Protein backbone atom coordinates (compact mmCIF):
# COMPACT_ATOMS: atom_id res chain seq x y z
CA MET A 1 0.00 0.00 0.00
CA SER A 2 1.37 3.45 -0.91
CA GLN A 3 2.01 6.05 1.78
CA ASP A 4 -0.86 8.21 0.48
CA ARG A 5 -3.34 5.33 0.46
CA LEU A 6 -2.21 4.31 3.93
CA ALA A 7 -2.71 7.87 5.14
CA ASP A 8 -6.22 7.98 3.66
CA TRP A 9 -7.07 4.68 5.33
CA ILE A 10 -5.85 5.95 8.71
CA VAL A 11 -7.90 9.14 8.36
CA THR A 12 -10.99 7.04 7.61
CA LYS A 13 -10.41 4.67 10.53
CA SER A 14 -9.70 7.48 12.98
CA ALA A 15 -12.99 9.13 12.06
CA ASP A 16 -14.78 6.14 13.61
CA VAL A 17 -13.29 6.93 17.02
CA PHE A 18 -14.22 10.61 16.97
CA LYS A 19 -17.86 9.58 17.42
CA TYR A 20 -17.12 8.95 21.10
CA ARG A 21 -16.37 12.61 21.81
CA SER A 22 -18.94 15.37 22.13
CA ASP A 23 -19.15 19.13 22.61
CA ARG A 24 -21.63 18.50 25.42
CA LEU A 25 -21.28 16.42 28.54
CA LEU A 26 -22.81 13.07 27.65
CA CYS A 27 -24.80 10.67 29.77
CA ALA A 28 -22.39 8.57 31.84
CA ASN A 29 -24.19 5.32 31.04
CA VAL A 30 -21.37 3.65 29.11
CA ASP A 31 -20.40 0.02 28.72
CA VAL A 32 -16.62 -0.28 28.62
CA ASN A 33 -16.60 -3.84 27.31
CA THR A 34 -18.89 -3.23 24.32
CA ARG A 35 -18.03 0.48 23.95
CA LYS A 36 -21.71 1.28 23.88
CA THR A 37 -22.59 4.80 24.99
CA CYS A 38 -25.73 6.81 25.54
CA ARG A 39 -25.46 9.85 23.27
CA ASN A 40 -27.95 11.98 25.17
CA ASP A 41 -26.77 14.96 27.19
CA GLY A 42 -26.01 14.28 30.83
CA THR A 43 -28.40 16.63 32.63
CA LYS A 44 -29.13 14.83 35.90
CA THR A 45 -26.08 14.84 38.17
CA CYS A 46 -25.41 12.10 40.69
CA SER A 47 -26.53 13.68 43.96
CA ASN A 48 -23.82 11.96 46.00
CA CYS A 49 -20.55 12.36 44.10
CA LYS A 50 -21.45 15.14 41.60
CA LEU A 51 -18.89 13.56 39.25
CA VAL A 52 -21.19 12.06 36.62
CA SER A 53 -24.48 13.01 35.00
CA TYR A 54 -27.19 11.00 33.28
CA CYS A 55 -29.95 11.73 30.81
CA SER A 56 -32.57 9.87 32.83
CA GLN A 57 -33.20 7.91 35.99
CA ALA A 58 -33.33 4.76 33.88
CA CYS A 59 -29.77 5.26 32.61
CA GLN A 60 -28.56 6.09 36.10
CA LYS A 61 -30.11 2.93 37.52
CA LYS A 62 -28.68 0.79 34.74
CA HIS A 63 -25.19 2.21 35.28
CA TRP A 64 -25.22 1.97 39.08
CA PRO A 65 -23.44 -1.42 39.35
CA ILE A 66 -20.49 0.18 37.56
CA HIS A 67 -20.67 3.65 39.10
CA LYS A 68 -21.07 2.59 42.72
CA ARG A 69 -17.35 1.84 43.07
CA ASP A 70 -16.52 5.48 42.35
CA CYS A 71 -19.55 6.83 44.18
CA LYS A 72 -18.55 4.98 47.35
CA ASP A 73 -14.87 5.91 47.17
CA PRO A 74 -13.59 6.66 50.71
CA LEU A 75 -12.18 9.95 49.41
CA LEU A 76 -15.76 11.20 49.02
CA THR A 77 -16.58 10.93 52.71
CA ASN A 78 -16.51 14.03 54.89
CA ASP A 79 -14.62 12.17 57.61
CA TRP A 80 -11.81 11.05 55.29
CA ARG A 81 -8.38 11.21 56.94
CA PRO A 82 -4.93 11.08 55.36
CA VAL A 83 -3.01 7.86 55.60
CA TRP A 84 -0.55 9.03 58.26
CA GLU A 85 -3.45 9.82 60.60
CA ARG A 86 -5.07 6.46 59.96
CA GLU A 87 -1.73 4.74 60.70
CA ASN A 88 -0.98 6.91 63.75
CA ARG A 89 2.41 8.24 62.60
CA SER A 90 3.99 11.47 61.48
CA PRO A 91 3.76 12.24 57.74
CA ALA A 92 6.67 11.25 55.52
CA TRP A 93 6.80 14.67 53.91
CA MET A 94 7.90 16.22 57.20
CA ASP A 95 10.77 13.76 57.61
CA ASP A 96 11.71 14.13 53.94
CA ASN A 97 11.75 17.92 54.19
CA ASN A 98 14.27 17.70 57.02
CA ALA A 99 16.47 15.29 55.07
CA SER A 100 16.19 16.91 51.65
CA ASP A 101 19.13 19.28 52.07
CA ALA A 102 21.52 16.41 52.76
CA GLN A 103 20.16 13.88 50.30
CA GLY A 104 18.91 16.07 47.45
CA PRO A 105 15.46 15.91 45.89
CA SER A 106 13.57 12.64 45.71
CA PRO A 107 13.68 10.94 42.30
CA PHE A 108 9.87 11.10 42.31
CA MET A 109 10.13 14.90 42.28
CA LEU A 110 12.42 14.97 39.26
CA GLY A 111 11.39 14.92 35.63
CA LEU A 112 11.14 17.03 32.50
CA HIS A 113 8.97 20.14 32.51
CA LEU A 114 6.61 19.18 29.69
CA TRP A 115 3.58 20.85 31.32
CA GLY A 116 3.55 24.29 32.87
CA ASN A 117 3.62 24.79 36.64
CA ILE A 118 2.12 28.31 36.64
CA PRO A 119 -0.99 29.58 34.82
CA ALA A 120 -0.59 30.75 31.22
CA ILE A 121 -0.13 34.48 30.61
CA ASP A 122 -0.99 36.81 27.74
CA LEU A 123 2.40 38.14 26.64
CA VAL A 124 0.94 40.99 24.57
CA ASN A 125 -1.95 42.32 26.68
CA LEU A 126 -2.85 44.58 23.79
CA ASP A 127 -5.47 46.76 25.46
CA ASN A 128 -3.04 47.77 28.23
CA ASN A 129 -0.15 48.49 25.89
CA GLU A 130 -0.06 49.24 22.14
CA LYS A 131 -3.88 49.27 21.80
CA ASP A 132 -3.47 49.25 18.00
CA HIS A 133 -5.23 46.26 16.42
CA SER A 134 -3.05 46.43 13.31
CA VAL A 135 0.42 46.63 14.86
CA ASP A 136 2.98 43.91 14.06
CA PHE A 137 4.53 42.03 16.96
CA SER A 138 7.79 40.16 17.39
CA LEU A 139 7.73 37.89 20.43
CA ALA A 140 10.54 35.76 21.84
CA CYS A 141 10.03 33.00 24.40
CA VAL A 142 13.65 32.13 25.03
CA ALA A 143 13.06 29.32 27.55
CA SER A 144 9.55 28.60 26.41
CA GLY A 145 8.55 25.38 28.06
CA ASP A 146 5.25 24.23 26.60
CA LEU A 147 2.87 26.17 24.32
CA ARG A 148 0.45 27.48 26.93
CA ASN A 149 1.64 31.12 26.85
CA VAL A 150 1.58 31.14 23.05
CA VAL A 151 -1.96 29.74 22.95
CA ARG A 152 -3.14 32.22 25.59
CA THR A 153 -1.47 35.15 23.80
CA VAL A 154 -2.78 34.39 20.32
CA ASN A 155 -6.29 33.66 21.61
CA ALA A 156 -6.38 36.89 23.63
CA LEU A 157 -5.89 39.07 20.53
CA PRO A 158 -9.06 40.77 19.25
CA ASP A 159 -10.96 39.13 16.41
CA ASP A 160 -10.16 42.05 14.12
CA TYR A 161 -6.39 41.91 14.73
CA SER A 162 -4.70 42.47 11.36
CA GLY A 163 -1.01 42.75 12.22
CA ARG A 164 1.67 40.14 11.67
CA LEU A 165 2.98 37.98 14.50
CA THR A 166 6.55 36.69 14.56
CA ILE A 167 7.03 34.23 17.41
CA VAL A 168 10.44 32.82 18.35
CA LEU A 169 10.23 29.74 20.57
CA ASN A 170 13.35 28.26 22.11
CA ASP A 171 14.01 25.67 24.77
CA ARG A 172 17.22 23.80 25.40
CA ASP A 173 15.27 20.60 26.14
CA HIS A 174 14.84 18.72 22.86
CA VAL A 175 11.73 16.89 24.09
CA VAL A 176 9.98 20.19 24.88
CA VAL A 177 10.78 21.57 21.42
CA MET A 178 9.82 18.32 19.69
CA ARG A 179 6.41 18.40 21.37
CA ASN A 180 5.90 22.07 20.51
CA LEU A 181 6.75 21.37 16.86
CA ALA A 182 4.28 18.48 16.84
CA LEU A 183 1.48 20.49 18.43
CA ILE A 184 1.85 23.47 16.09
CA CYS A 185 2.02 21.14 13.10
CA THR A 186 -1.09 19.26 14.22
CA LEU A 187 -3.11 22.40 14.90
CA GLY A 188 -1.92 24.15 11.76
CA THR A 189 -2.12 21.47 9.08
CA ILE A 190 -5.39 19.65 9.85
CA GLU A 191 -8.15 21.66 8.21
CA ASP A 192 -10.90 20.40 10.51
CA GLU A 193 -10.37 22.37 13.73
CA VAL A 194 -12.48 19.89 15.73
CA VAL A 195 -10.17 17.04 14.77
CA ALA A 196 -7.04 19.17 15.17
CA ALA A 197 -7.99 20.28 18.68
CA GLU A 198 -8.97 16.77 19.80
CA LEU A 199 -5.67 15.27 18.66
CA ALA A 200 -3.59 18.14 20.04
CA LEU A 201 -5.35 18.10 23.42
CA HIS A 202 -4.60 14.45 24.09
CA PHE A 203 -1.10 14.58 22.58
CA TRP A 204 -0.36 17.47 24.93
CA TYR A 205 -1.92 16.20 28.14
CA SER A 206 -3.20 12.61 28.10
CA VAL A 207 -0.83 9.80 29.07
CA PHE A 208 -2.56 7.32 26.76
CA LEU A 209 -4.19 7.74 23.35
CA PRO A 210 -6.57 5.83 21.10
CA ILE A 211 -4.43 3.94 18.60
CA GLU A 212 -6.35 5.70 15.83
CA TYR A 213 -5.31 9.10 17.25
CA ASN A 214 -1.72 7.94 17.47
CA LEU A 215 -1.68 6.80 13.83
CA ARG A 216 -3.36 10.01 12.67
CA ILE A 217 -0.76 12.11 14.47
CA LEU A 218 2.08 10.10 12.90
CA VAL A 219 0.58 10.72 9.44
CA ILE A 220 0.36 14.45 10.13
CA LEU A 221 3.91 14.60 11.46
CA ARG A 222 5.53 12.53 8.69
CA PRO A 223 6.51 15.54 6.48
CA LEU A 224 7.90 17.32 9.54
CA MET A 225 9.93 14.29 10.64
CA GLU A 226 11.31 13.80 7.13
CA GLN A 227 12.54 17.40 7.05
CA LEU A 228 13.99 17.14 10.55
CA LEU A 229 16.02 14.11 9.50
CA LEU A 230 17.21 15.56 6.18
CA THR A 231 17.47 19.34 6.69
CA PRO A 232 16.96 20.16 10.39
CA SER A 233 18.55 23.60 10.01
CA SER A 234 16.09 24.77 7.36
CA CYS A 235 12.84 22.96 8.07
CA LYS A 236 9.64 24.79 7.08
CA ILE A 237 5.96 23.82 7.26
CA ARG A 238 3.03 25.83 5.90
CA LEU A 239 0.18 26.36 8.34
CA GLY A 240 -2.72 27.22 6.10
CA SER A 241 -2.45 30.09 3.65
CA SER A 242 -1.14 32.83 5.94
CA SER A 243 0.99 31.22 8.65
CA SER A 244 4.14 29.12 8.75
CA MET A 245 6.53 27.31 11.06
CA SER A 246 10.28 27.06 10.55
CA CYS A 247 12.96 25.57 12.73
CA ASP A 248 16.71 25.34 12.97
CA VAL A 249 17.46 22.53 15.38
CA PRO A 250 20.22 19.97 15.95
CA HIS A 251 20.15 16.69 14.01
CA GLU A 252 19.64 14.76 17.23
CA LEU A 253 16.24 16.40 17.78
CA GLY A 254 14.86 14.85 14.59
CA ARG A 255 16.33 11.48 15.49
CA LEU A 256 14.86 11.77 18.98
CA MET A 257 11.42 12.56 17.58
CA VAL A 258 11.42 9.55 15.29
CA THR A 259 12.84 7.26 17.98
CA MET A 260 10.29 8.37 20.58
CA LEU A 261 7.16 8.42 18.43
CA LYS A 262 7.95 5.15 16.67
CA SER A 263 9.14 3.24 19.74
CA THR A 264 7.59 -0.18 20.34
CA TYR A 265 7.28 -0.74 24.10
CA SER A 266 3.83 -2.09 24.93
CA MET A 267 0.85 -0.46 26.59
CA LEU A 268 1.28 -2.90 29.47
CA ASP A 269 4.93 -1.94 29.99
CA ALA A 270 4.19 1.79 29.78
CA ASN A 271 1.34 1.50 32.25
CA LYS A 272 3.54 -0.42 34.72
CA ILE A 273 6.28 2.20 34.54
CA TYR A 274 3.76 5.04 34.80
CA LYS A 275 2.16 3.50 37.90
CA ARG A 276 5.58 2.84 39.42
CA ILE A 277 6.22 6.60 39.47
CA ARG A 278 2.74 8.10 39.80
CA CYS A 279 1.29 5.57 42.25
CA ALA A 280 4.27 4.52 44.38
CA PRO A 281 3.13 3.35 47.85
CA SER A 282 6.07 5.22 49.39
CA ARG A 283 4.50 8.46 48.16
CA ASN A 284 1.03 7.95 49.64
CA ASP A 285 1.60 10.65 52.26
CA TYR A 286 2.36 13.14 49.49
CA TYR A 287 -0.75 12.20 47.51
CA ASP A 288 -2.89 12.55 50.61
CA ARG A 289 -1.30 15.88 51.45
CA ALA A 290 -2.62 17.17 48.11
CA TYR A 291 -6.11 15.95 49.05
CA CYS A 292 -6.22 17.46 52.54
CA ASN A 293 -7.71 20.86 51.80
CA VAL A 294 -9.78 20.12 48.71
CA GLU A 295 -13.40 19.09 48.40
CA PRO A 296 -14.23 15.37 48.34
CA ALA A 297 -15.17 15.27 44.64
CA HIS A 298 -11.94 17.03 43.72
CA ARG A 299 -9.97 14.45 45.69
CA VAL A 300 -11.48 11.74 43.53
CA SER A 301 -10.87 13.73 40.34
CA LEU A 302 -7.22 14.27 41.21
CA GLN A 303 -6.82 10.61 42.10
CA ASP A 304 -8.49 9.54 38.85
CA PHE A 305 -6.06 11.59 36.77
CA ARG A 306 -3.09 10.29 38.75
CA LEU A 307 -4.21 6.70 38.19
CA PHE A 308 -5.21 6.89 34.53
CA GLY A 309 -3.71 10.10 33.12
CA LEU A 310 -6.61 11.05 30.82
CA VAL A 311 -8.06 14.53 30.29
CA LEU A 312 -11.68 13.49 29.84
CA PRO A 313 -15.01 13.96 31.60
CA PHE A 314 -15.15 11.61 34.57
CA GLY A 315 -17.88 9.41 33.13
CA ALA A 316 -16.65 9.36 29.53
CA LEU A 317 -15.79 6.17 27.69
CA ASN A 318 -12.03 5.62 27.86
CA ALA A 319 -11.50 2.00 26.83
CA HIS A 320 -10.24 3.09 23.41
CA PHE A 321 -7.29 4.98 24.94
CA ASN A 322 -5.16 1.93 24.41
CA VAL A 323 -1.62 3.01 23.42
CA PRO A 324 0.98 5.12 25.27
CA ASN A 325 1.42 8.78 24.42
CA ARG A 326 5.01 8.19 23.40
CA SER A 327 5.92 11.87 23.64
CA LEU A 328 5.59 11.57 27.44
CA PHE A 329 7.85 8.51 27.70
CA SER A 330 11.49 7.98 26.78
CA PRO A 331 12.31 5.78 23.76
CA SER A 332 12.77 2.89 26.19
CA GLY A 333 9.45 3.56 27.93
CA SER A 334 10.46 5.54 31.04
CA TRP A 335 7.96 8.11 32.34
CA LEU A 336 9.44 11.57 31.71
CA LEU A 337 7.56 13.77 34.20
CA ASN A 338 7.46 13.77 37.99
CA ASP A 339 4.92 12.00 40.19
CA HIS A 340 2.57 14.88 40.98
CA VAL A 341 2.25 17.38 38.12
CA THR A 342 -1.16 17.83 36.47
CA PRO A 343 -2.38 19.95 33.53
CA LEU A 344 -4.51 21.98 35.95
CA GLU A 345 -1.39 23.89 37.00
CA SER A 346 -1.11 25.47 33.55
CA TRP A 347 -4.46 27.27 33.39
CA ASP A 348 -6.72 29.65 35.29
CA LEU A 349 -9.09 27.38 37.21
CA LYS A 350 -11.96 29.87 37.27
CA SER A 351 -11.93 30.01 33.46
CA VAL A 352 -11.63 26.23 33.29
CA ILE A 353 -14.76 25.71 35.39
CA GLU A 354 -16.76 28.46 33.70
CA THR A 355 -16.07 26.92 30.29
CA GLY A 356 -16.86 23.44 31.54
CA LYS A 357 -20.26 24.58 32.80
CA LEU A 358 -21.08 26.02 29.37
CA HIS A 359 -20.67 22.50 27.99
CA GLY A 360 -22.77 20.88 30.70
CA ALA A 361 -19.94 19.73 32.98
CA GLN A 362 -20.18 20.01 36.74
CA ARG A 363 -17.75 22.03 38.83
CA ALA A 364 -16.91 18.84 40.74
CA GLU A 365 -15.45 17.04 37.71
CA ILE A 366 -12.56 19.39 37.23
CA PHE A 367 -10.84 17.38 34.49
CA GLY A 368 -14.06 17.25 32.50
CA CYS A 369 -14.16 21.04 32.74
CA LEU A 370 -10.52 21.12 31.65
CA TYR A 371 -11.32 18.94 28.63
CA PHE A 372 -13.96 21.38 27.37
CA PHE A 373 -11.79 24.41 28.21
CA LEU A 374 -8.82 23.04 26.26
CA THR A 375 -11.08 22.00 23.39
CA ASP A 376 -12.32 25.58 23.05
CA GLN A 377 -8.85 27.09 23.43
CA LEU A 378 -7.21 24.79 20.89
CA ARG A 379 -10.00 25.23 18.35
CA THR A 380 -9.66 28.98 18.62
CA PHE A 381 -5.90 28.71 18.23
CA ALA A 382 -6.22 26.44 15.17
CA ARG A 383 -8.72 28.86 13.63
CA ARG A 384 -6.43 31.81 14.23
CA LEU A 385 -3.51 30.09 12.58
CA ARG A 386 -5.59 30.42 9.41
CA GLN A 387 -7.14 33.79 10.22
CA PHE A 388 -3.99 35.65 11.33
CA SER A 389 -0.55 35.93 9.79
CA ILE A 390 1.79 34.13 12.19
CA SER A 391 5.31 32.89 11.63
CA PHE A 392 6.84 30.56 14.21
CA HIS A 393 10.60 30.06 14.47
CA LEU A 394 11.67 27.21 16.75
CA TYR A 395 15.11 26.51 18.18
CA SER A 396 16.55 24.15 20.76
CA GLU A 397 19.66 25.58 22.35
CA ASP A 398 20.88 27.46 25.37
CA ALA A 399 19.18 30.86 25.59
CA ARG A 400 22.57 32.60 25.80
CA ASP A 401 23.79 30.96 22.61
CA LEU A 402 20.58 31.87 20.79
CA ALA A 403 20.94 35.54 21.71
CA GLY A 404 24.53 35.58 20.49
CA ARG A 405 23.66 33.97 17.18
CA MET A 406 20.76 36.34 16.61
CA LYS A 407 22.97 39.37 17.18
CA ALA A 408 25.53 37.93 14.76
CA GLY A 409 22.92 37.21 12.09
CA GLY A 410 23.22 33.46 12.48
CA ARG A 411 19.50 32.84 12.19
CA VAL A 412 18.87 34.51 8.81
CA HIS A 413 18.33 31.24 6.93
CA SER A 414 15.50 30.31 9.31
CA GLY A 415 13.72 33.59 8.66
CA VAL A 416 14.98 35.78 11.52
CA PRO A 417 16.91 38.82 10.17
CA PRO A 418 20.02 40.13 11.96
CA SER A 419 18.18 43.41 12.56
CA VAL A 420 15.51 41.68 14.65
CA HIS A 421 14.33 43.36 17.83
CA PHE A 422 11.44 42.19 19.93
CA ASP A 423 8.31 43.73 21.42
CA ARG A 424 8.23 41.10 24.14
CA ILE A 425 10.98 38.83 25.42
CA GLU A 426 9.73 36.22 27.87
CA VAL A 427 12.58 34.55 29.75
CA SER A 428 10.63 32.24 32.09
CA ASN A 429 12.60 31.71 35.33
CA ILE A 430 16.12 31.58 33.90
CA MET A 431 16.91 34.78 35.85
CA ASP A 432 16.84 32.59 38.96
CA ALA A 433 20.34 32.42 40.40
CA GLU A 434 20.38 28.63 39.92
CA TYR A 435 20.13 29.10 36.15
CA VAL A 436 21.47 31.95 34.02
CA GLY A 437 20.96 34.81 36.48
CA ILE A 438 19.76 38.40 36.11
CA SER A 439 23.00 39.92 34.84
CA ARG A 440 23.67 37.46 32.06
CA VAL A 441 20.04 37.34 30.86
CA LEU A 442 19.84 41.13 30.58
CA THR A 443 23.29 41.29 29.01
CA ASP A 444 22.20 38.79 26.37
CA TRP A 445 18.64 39.91 25.67
CA ALA A 446 18.21 43.59 26.60
CA PRO A 447 20.04 44.70 23.40
CA LEU A 448 17.42 42.75 21.41
CA LEU A 449 14.50 44.66 22.96
CA LYS A 450 12.85 47.33 20.84
CA ASN A 451 13.41 50.90 21.95
CA ASN A 452 9.88 52.01 22.73
CA ARG A 453 7.72 52.46 25.82
CA THR A 454 5.79 49.19 25.51
CA ALA A 455 8.58 46.73 24.63
CA THR A 456 9.12 44.53 27.69
CA ILE A 457 11.27 41.71 29.03
CA ILE A 458 9.09 39.49 31.23
CA ALA A 459 10.85 37.46 33.91
CA TYR A 460 9.51 35.04 36.47
CA PHE A 461 11.33 34.32 39.74
CA MET A 462 10.50 30.95 41.27
CA ASN A 463 13.41 29.86 43.47
CA TRP A 464 14.45 33.11 45.16
CA ARG A 465 12.76 32.25 48.48
CA ALA A 466 15.43 29.64 49.25
CA ARG A 467 18.10 32.37 49.17
CA GLN A 468 16.38 35.16 51.07
CA LYS A 469 15.36 35.39 54.71
CA GLY A 470 11.83 36.69 55.02
CA ALA A 471 10.80 35.39 51.62
CA ASP A 472 8.28 33.12 53.34
CA LEU A 473 6.43 33.26 56.62
CA PHE A 474 8.55 30.74 58.44
CA THR A 475 11.62 32.95 58.12
CA ALA A 476 9.76 36.24 58.58
CA GLY A 477 9.42 36.05 62.35
CA LYS A 478 6.80 35.12 64.93
CA HIS A 479 5.20 38.58 65.02
CA VAL A 480 4.54 38.43 61.27
CA MET A 481 3.05 34.97 61.58
CA ASP A 482 0.75 36.16 64.37
CA ARG A 483 -0.41 39.09 62.26
CA ILE A 484 -1.12 36.83 59.30
CA MET A 485 -3.14 34.43 61.45
CA ASP A 486 -5.22 37.33 62.79
CA ARG A 487 -5.96 38.46 59.26
CA LEU A 488 -6.91 34.97 58.13
CA HIS A 489 -9.27 34.71 61.09
CA GLN A 490 -10.85 38.11 60.36
CA ASP A 491 -11.36 37.18 56.71
CA ASN A 492 -12.82 33.79 57.71
CA ARG A 493 -10.14 32.00 55.67
CA VAL A 494 -9.25 29.35 58.25
CA ARG A 495 -11.37 27.06 60.39
CA PRO A 496 -11.73 28.01 64.09
CA ALA A 497 -9.85 24.84 65.04
CA VAL A 498 -6.83 26.10 63.12
CA LEU A 499 -6.90 29.36 65.06
CA SER A 500 -7.10 27.47 68.35
CA TRP A 501 -4.20 25.30 67.29
CA TRP A 502 -2.18 28.39 66.44
CA LYS A 503 -2.87 30.12 69.73
CA CYS A 504 -1.52 27.07 71.54
CA ARG A 505 1.69 27.45 69.53
CA ILE A 506 1.79 23.66 69.10
CA PHE A 507 3.73 23.86 65.89
CA LEU A 508 6.29 26.27 67.34
CA HIS A 509 6.94 24.61 70.68
CA LEU A 510 6.46 20.87 70.32
CA PRO A 511 8.56 18.45 68.29
CA LEU A 512 7.36 17.34 64.88
CA ASP A 513 6.46 13.95 66.30
CA MET A 514 3.44 15.62 67.91
CA LEU A 515 1.77 15.34 64.51
CA ARG A 516 1.60 11.58 64.88
CA GLY A 517 -1.88 10.37 64.07
CA ASP A 518 -4.02 13.42 64.78
CA ALA A 519 -5.72 16.21 62.86
CA ARG A 520 -3.17 18.88 63.75
CA SER A 521 -1.11 17.99 60.70
CA ARG A 522 -4.08 18.99 58.54
CA MET A 523 -4.41 22.21 60.51
CA MET A 524 -0.79 22.98 59.82
CA LEU A 525 -1.33 22.26 56.12
CA GLN A 526 -4.32 24.59 56.00
CA TYR A 527 -2.31 27.32 57.68
CA MET A 528 0.63 26.83 55.32
CA LYS A 529 -1.71 26.92 52.31
CA SER A 530 -3.61 29.96 53.57
CA ALA A 531 -0.84 32.12 54.94
CA GLU A 532 1.50 32.60 51.98
CA PRO A 533 -1.06 34.31 49.66
CA VAL A 534 -1.69 37.04 52.25
CA TYR A 535 1.96 37.55 53.17
CA ASP A 536 3.64 40.59 51.65
CA ASN A 537 7.08 39.40 50.48
CA TRP A 538 7.92 42.58 48.54
CA ALA A 539 10.54 43.85 51.00
CA ALA A 540 12.27 40.47 51.05
CA PHE A 541 12.19 40.28 47.25
CA ASN A 542 13.80 43.71 46.99
CA MET A 543 16.54 42.57 49.34
CA PHE A 544 17.08 39.53 47.15
CA LEU A 545 17.33 41.69 44.03
CA LYS A 546 19.86 43.95 45.72
CA SER A 547 21.91 40.92 46.70
CA GLN A 548 22.03 40.13 42.97
CA ARG A 549 23.35 43.70 42.33
CA ILE A 550 20.25 44.69 40.42
CA ASP A 551 20.89 48.46 40.47
CA GLU A 552 24.33 48.07 38.92
CA ILE A 553 22.97 45.73 36.24
CA LEU A 554 20.12 48.10 35.33
CA ARG A 555 22.52 51.05 34.98
CA ARG A 556 24.92 49.08 32.85
CA MET A 557 22.23 47.73 30.52
CA GLU A 558 20.23 50.99 30.45
CA VAL A 559 16.97 49.32 31.36
CA ARG A 560 14.57 49.81 34.24
CA MET A 561 12.28 47.67 36.34
CA LYS A 562 8.71 48.77 35.74
CA GLU A 563 7.01 49.82 38.96
CA ARG A 564 3.57 49.42 37.40
CA HIS A 565 3.32 46.33 35.24
CA THR A 566 1.40 46.31 31.97
CA ILE A 567 1.70 42.64 30.94
CA VAL A 568 1.38 40.46 34.03
CA PRO A 569 0.95 41.35 37.73
CA HIS A 570 3.87 41.33 40.17
CA ARG A 571 2.25 38.30 41.82
CA CYS A 572 -0.33 35.85 40.53
CA PHE A 573 -3.85 37.24 41.01
CA SER A 574 -2.71 40.63 42.26
CA PRO A 575 -3.95 43.74 40.37
CA LEU A 576 -2.12 44.27 37.09
CA ASP A 577 -1.49 47.95 37.78
CA GLY A 578 -0.82 47.42 41.48
CA PRO A 579 2.48 48.22 43.20
CA GLY A 580 5.06 45.58 44.05
CA ASN A 581 3.59 45.03 47.51
CA ALA A 582 0.05 44.42 46.22
CA LEU A 583 -1.32 41.14 47.51
CA PRO A 584 -3.25 38.58 45.48
CA VAL A 585 -6.95 39.38 45.36
CA PHE A 586 -9.63 36.76 45.97
CA PRO A 587 -13.04 38.39 45.52
CA ASP A 588 -15.04 35.52 47.01
CA ASP A 589 -14.77 32.16 48.73
CA GLU A 590 -14.82 30.33 45.40
CA SER A 591 -11.79 32.25 44.15
CA TRP A 592 -9.97 31.53 47.41
CA TYR A 593 -10.76 27.83 47.27
CA LEU A 594 -9.83 27.35 43.60
CA ASN A 595 -6.57 29.24 43.74
CA VAL A 596 -5.31 28.61 47.26
CA TYR A 597 -6.55 25.11 48.08
CA LEU A 598 -7.11 23.43 44.72
CA GLY A 599 -4.30 25.36 43.04
CA THR A 600 -0.64 24.50 43.51
CA LEU A 601 1.11 27.88 43.57
CA ALA A 602 3.70 28.45 46.30
CA TRP A 603 2.74 32.18 46.31
CA SER A 604 6.38 33.25 46.44
CA GLU A 605 6.42 33.36 42.62
CA ARG A 606 7.06 36.88 41.35
CA TYR A 607 7.12 38.49 37.93
CA VAL A 608 9.34 41.40 36.95
CA GLU A 609 8.97 43.53 33.83
CA PHE A 610 11.97 45.34 32.34
CA SER A 611 11.85 48.08 29.71
CA ARG A 612 14.18 50.57 28.08
CA LYS A 613 14.89 53.74 30.04
């Protein structure tokens, strides 16, 4: 069979599987063995778990023998207790925290950063900056990680935007770049945006895929892989009539892509390795720690994703997800991420739930909401690849080397002229002292920033708290901790029992072994979760910046730190135009719960914007 005929056959076969998906939440009455599904909308939610919905009482009754296992999960009970309480011992994460400095991080915590760990940001924020719907933009994400910021940025542009976008994406991790190439190619070359978004969503975030999806993706990526093997320094793919993607990457990236995506380890082997990392019994205390302050239904949702790794509505048919997503495993079948990351960390949870509700999903089934949110976002992005004029230029090298080559004109053959200057340069957290550092990043990239009032370098500091006293509450002093507890009590953000616990100073005066087998460990967790968002770490952050000789660097590079940001707030969820000491704002209890308890931010994360003087 010729390659073209094979491709046509795969397209036809994959169409059969798309019938299982829907733009509305479907009735949860499914039969896994026969793959029979009820195609009616799920409008009647299970009153106990809130995780599944049915079209009728008849369907609910018929499905009960299957659903009752989930509906009676111990995680759904209000009196659920974490495993260390049930076993009358202190939690492992306290012992591990004490030992981590000597032994280094646990291997379960290590892994590639293939999903984002902070919500996506709009790098342009047009209405707060240029305001012109026809202006051209040149954007550089020099340590890009995944595509979430690009998707958010393109989708946030107004419908009538008529300028041209040039987007440079670079990451030194070949797997990250390979996945970004594959996602852009999938979203940009499949004409049917419904199909494109469905394939891209699961390639990005689901651990397993339907074999038909996997084959369809391989067909789509074949021209890209052929170019990467033959001419990796001048690869170019058309994305509709007005957009394109080029790359200049090392030969080994193309070989890695082919080796990974065409590897042959079995579904059984991949699942065993995945469970070995994501479901290790030695990590049960860590899993339960994540469940301690979230609602019962969200505990079950988080557990379900950890066990099965699928971004789908909770009651959706999933038996056809029967091959590994090989872009998340090494060529030999090793799981590439850590044991706790989820796609929820990459997106604004309020928007996720609001979108899910529009499609009939319940707030309780957070990954069902995420499925519909990502479906909408990726369809919009695919549509805009055809509507807008966008040129992507992808690289996989050290950010310092890329800056040097751009200044020397070494990226001309991939479409980036030596005269290039950027409207936005997003550097992720490589200004952290553990990575490139403030001085070297600004030395490399500030000369490539356009000389106007809106051009901005956007930096994110993640690890500074480990180097600066006062960066978090536990090094800020007892009087600060008392003040924070009083505020939390006044705002009704902690349970009365937590306040009583605090007044007794149990945590400060008794050994850690006092946490053995009682609820005070959960009180401590609630305090730790609640306190950091309302702690003003601005003074400590300024001290950290001064320790990095920030004033000298700014003078030398002739740039300034913007006091009032115009792209992204100083801290997540603080006002965009607020000062550096502005605290995150939570307008209601729902916002507090979603972002503080269900979310995974440490709340020491800070953004800094730099511009020309």
